[in-house]
Amino acid sequence: MRILILLLSITLVGACSMRDTVPMNGSTIQNHDLNDQDKDGVIVARERCMDTVKGAEVDNYGCGTVKTINERKELKIQFANDSSYLAPKYFGQLEELSIFMNKYPSTKVTIEGHCSKTGSYEHNLALSQNRAEAVTTVLSQKFSIDPSRLTAIG
């Protein structure tokens, strides 16, 4: 029995080495450009978006993917009692926001206005709306942010 197993093993191993090899006479012509000109990891033969931003996440055709990101950034702006006047000392925070918005031109921002609980509900709702609009007005007029990218909510 051992001899039979040994003979079968030798036969199986020996049969693997009996493949025919086919010699190639000449070189193969390359039909497609396999370079990656914009260094996004996609060859030119499949590339549909040649102007991909360096380091961007791309799909199989070299086009950037768009992700919707809802991110919250809190601005620390204090208004005087019962006022919607925006003091210039808070413009630095709005400038930072405008720099971000200019860097990402498709970004839209919602500004939420708040106020204390003293006074009637209707008055506080109007005051918080006016405060949010004061912020969006400064962003559009002083920092040249398109008003269509800004929403004010009181």
Foldseek 3Di string as FASTA:
>chain_A
DVVVVVVVVVVVVVVVPPDDDDDDDDDDDDDAAQDLVQPPPAGPRQADDNPDDPPADADNRRDHDDDDDDDDDDQDFDDPPLDLDGDPVSVVVLLVVLVVCVVPVVAADEFWFADDPPDDPVSRQVSRQSNQVNSLVCSCPVVVRPSVRYHYGD
